[in-house]
């Protein structure tokens, strides 16, 4: 398996662009979301993280 470093860096950069965009456009909403996340149980956060990973892997698979 060949590691395509430029592609990996572009993907990480794009993730940072989307993350920064949300904070730039709606900082108050992000603060509210963070406060709400602090009240969520670990199991719910873990499940959401696993679902996000599965969705991301599916999108990568579609592009392969």
N, C-alpha and C. Protein backbone atom coordinates (compact mmCIF):
# COMPACT_ATOMS: atom_id res chain seq x y z
N UNK A 1 0.83 -1.18 0.00
CA UNK A 1 0.00 0.00 0.00
C UNK A 1 0.88 1.24 0.00
N UNK A 2 0.55 2.17 -0.86
CA UNK A 2 1.33 3.39 -1.01
C UNK A 2 0.67 4.53 -0.24
N UNK A 3 1.44 5.22 0.58
CA UNK A 3 0.93 6.36 1.33
C UNK A 3 1.05 7.61 0.46
N UNK A 4 -0.07 8.20 0.13
CA UNK A 4 -0.09 9.42 -0.68
C UNK A 4 -0.11 10.61 0.28
N UNK A 5 1.07 11.06 0.69
CA UNK A 5 1.18 12.12 1.68
C UNK A 5 0.52 13.42 1.23
N UNK A 6 0.70 13.87 0.00
CA UNK A 6 0.01 15.11 -0.41
C UNK A 6 -1.52 15.00 -0.29
N UNK A 7 -2.07 13.85 -0.63
CA UNK A 7 -3.51 13.66 -0.50
C UNK A 7 -3.93 13.68 0.97
N UNK A 8 -3.15 13.05 1.82
CA UNK A 8 -3.44 13.05 3.25
C UNK A 8 -3.41 14.47 3.81
N UNK A 9 -2.43 15.26 3.40
CA UNK A 9 -2.33 16.64 3.87
C UNK A 9 -3.51 17.49 3.36
N UNK A 10 -3.93 17.26 2.11
CA UNK A 10 -5.09 17.99 1.58
C UNK A 10 -6.35 17.63 2.36
N UNK A 11 -6.52 16.35 2.68
CA UNK A 11 -7.70 15.91 3.43
C UNK A 11 -7.70 16.53 4.83
N UNK A 12 -6.56 16.53 5.50
CA UNK A 12 -6.46 17.14 6.83
C UNK A 12 -6.72 18.64 6.75
N UNK A 13 -6.18 19.27 5.73
CA UNK A 13 -6.42 20.71 5.53
C UNK A 13 -7.88 21.02 5.30
N UNK A 14 -8.55 20.21 4.50
CA UNK A 14 -9.97 20.41 4.25
C UNK A 14 -10.79 20.24 5.52
N UNK A 15 -10.44 19.26 6.33
CA UNK A 15 -11.13 19.07 7.61
C UNK A 15 -10.95 20.32 8.49
N UNK A 16 -9.76 20.89 8.52
CA UNK A 16 -9.52 22.11 9.30
C UNK A 16 -10.29 23.30 8.74
N UNK A 17 -10.42 23.38 7.42
CA UNK A 17 -11.21 24.46 6.81
C UNK A 17 -12.65 24.37 7.27
N UNK A 18 -13.25 23.19 7.21
CA UNK A 18 -14.64 23.03 7.64
C UNK A 18 -14.80 23.33 9.13
N UNK A 19 -13.87 22.86 9.93
CA UNK A 19 -13.94 23.11 11.38
C UNK A 19 -13.83 24.61 11.65
N UNK A 20 -12.89 25.25 11.03
CA UNK A 20 -12.71 26.69 11.23
C UNK A 20 -13.89 27.49 10.70
N UNK A 21 -14.49 27.05 9.61
CA UNK A 21 -15.63 27.75 9.03
C UNK A 21 -16.81 27.78 9.99
N UNK A 22 -17.08 26.66 10.64
CA UNK A 22 -18.18 26.61 11.60
C UNK A 22 -17.92 27.56 12.76
N UNK A 23 -16.70 27.57 13.28
CA UNK A 23 -16.37 28.47 14.39
C UNK A 23 -16.43 29.93 13.94
N UNK A 24 -16.01 30.23 12.72
CA UNK A 24 -16.02 31.61 12.23
C UNK A 24 -17.43 32.11 11.98
N UNK A 25 -18.31 31.26 11.47
CA UNK A 25 -19.66 31.70 11.12
C UNK A 25 -20.62 31.71 12.31
N UNK A 26 -20.42 30.81 13.26
CA UNK A 26 -21.38 30.70 14.37
C UNK A 26 -20.68 30.37 15.69
N UNK A 27 -19.87 31.31 16.20
CA UNK A 27 -19.17 31.00 17.46
C UNK A 27 -20.12 30.78 18.63
N UNK A 28 -21.21 31.54 18.68
CA UNK A 28 -22.17 31.35 19.78
C UNK A 28 -22.82 29.98 19.71
N UNK A 29 -23.18 29.56 18.52
CA UNK A 29 -23.78 28.24 18.35
C UNK A 29 -22.81 27.14 18.72
N UNK A 30 -21.54 27.32 18.40
CA UNK A 30 -20.55 26.31 18.76
C UNK A 30 -20.37 26.26 20.28
N UNK A 31 -20.41 27.41 20.94
CA UNK A 31 -20.31 27.40 22.41
C UNK A 31 -21.49 26.65 23.02
N UNK A 32 -22.70 26.92 22.49
CA UNK A 32 -23.88 26.21 23.00
C UNK A 32 -23.75 24.71 22.76
N UNK A 33 -23.25 24.35 21.58
CA UNK A 33 -23.08 22.93 21.27
C UNK A 33 -22.06 22.29 22.22
N UNK A 34 -20.98 23.00 22.52
CA UNK A 34 -19.97 22.46 23.43
C UNK A 34 -20.55 22.27 24.84
N UNK A 35 -21.33 23.25 25.30
CA UNK A 35 -21.94 23.10 26.63
C UNK A 35 -22.88 21.90 26.65
N UNK A 36 -23.62 21.72 25.57
CA UNK A 36 -24.55 20.57 25.51
C UNK A 36 -23.77 19.26 25.48
N UNK A 37 -22.67 19.24 24.73
CA UNK A 37 -21.86 18.02 24.66
C UNK A 37 -21.29 17.62 26.02
N UNK A 38 -20.98 18.61 26.85
CA UNK A 38 -20.45 18.31 28.18
C UNK A 38 -21.46 17.56 29.03
N UNK A 39 -22.75 17.74 28.75
CA UNK A 39 -23.79 17.05 29.53
C UNK A 39 -24.11 15.66 28.98
N UNK A 40 -23.66 15.34 27.78
CA UNK A 40 -23.97 14.06 27.17
C UNK A 40 -23.13 12.94 27.80
N UNK A 41 -23.71 11.76 27.94
CA UNK A 41 -22.93 10.64 28.49
C UNK A 41 -21.86 10.17 27.49
N UNK A 42 -20.82 9.57 28.04
CA UNK A 42 -19.72 9.08 27.19
C UNK A 42 -20.21 8.13 26.11
N UNK A 43 -21.15 7.27 26.44
CA UNK A 43 -21.64 6.29 25.46
C UNK A 43 -22.27 6.98 24.25
N UNK A 44 -22.99 8.06 24.47
CA UNK A 44 -23.61 8.79 23.36
C UNK A 44 -22.55 9.44 22.48
N UNK A 45 -21.55 10.03 23.11
CA UNK A 45 -20.47 10.65 22.34
C UNK A 45 -19.67 9.60 21.57
N UNK A 46 -19.43 8.47 22.21
CA UNK A 46 -18.70 7.39 21.54
C UNK A 46 -19.49 6.89 20.33
N UNK A 47 -20.79 6.73 20.50
CA UNK A 47 -21.63 6.29 19.39
C UNK A 47 -21.63 7.29 18.25
N UNK A 48 -21.70 8.58 18.58
CA UNK A 48 -21.67 9.61 17.53
C UNK A 48 -20.31 9.60 16.82
N UNK A 49 -19.25 9.41 17.58
CA UNK A 49 -17.92 9.34 16.97
C UNK A 49 -17.77 8.15 16.05
N UNK A 50 -18.28 7.01 16.47
CA UNK A 50 -18.22 5.81 15.62
C UNK A 50 -19.06 5.99 14.36
N UNK A 51 -20.22 6.62 14.50
CA UNK A 51 -21.07 6.87 13.33
C UNK A 51 -20.38 7.82 12.36
N UNK A 52 -19.71 8.85 12.88
CA UNK A 52 -18.99 9.79 12.02
C UNK A 52 -17.82 9.09 11.32
N UNK A 53 -17.13 8.22 12.05
CA UNK A 53 -16.03 7.46 11.42
C UNK A 53 -16.55 6.57 10.31
N UNK A 54 -17.67 5.89 10.56
CA UNK A 54 -18.25 5.00 9.55
C UNK A 54 -18.67 5.78 8.32
N UNK A 55 -19.29 6.95 8.54
CA UNK A 55 -19.70 7.78 7.41
C UNK A 55 -18.48 8.26 6.62
N UNK A 56 -17.42 8.64 7.32
CA UNK A 56 -16.20 9.08 6.65
C UNK A 56 -15.55 7.96 5.86
N UNK A 57 -15.49 6.78 6.45
CA UNK A 57 -14.91 5.63 5.73
C UNK A 57 -15.73 5.29 4.50
N UNK A 58 -17.05 5.41 4.61
CA UNK A 58 -17.91 5.14 3.46
C UNK A 58 -17.65 6.16 2.35
N UNK A 59 -17.49 7.43 2.70
CA UNK A 59 -17.19 8.45 1.69
C UNK A 59 -15.83 8.22 1.04
N UNK A 60 -14.85 7.81 1.85
CA UNK A 60 -13.54 7.50 1.28
C UNK A 60 -13.64 6.31 0.34
N UNK A 61 -14.42 5.30 0.75
CA UNK A 61 -14.61 4.11 -0.08
C UNK A 61 -15.29 4.49 -1.41
N UNK A 62 -16.26 5.39 -1.36
CA UNK A 62 -16.94 5.82 -2.59
C UNK A 62 -15.97 6.49 -3.55
N UNK A 63 -15.02 7.25 -2.98
CA UNK A 63 -14.06 7.96 -3.83
C UNK A 63 -12.93 7.10 -4.33
N UNK A 64 -12.78 5.90 -3.77
CA UNK A 64 -11.65 5.03 -4.18
C UNK A 64 -11.92 4.31 -5.48
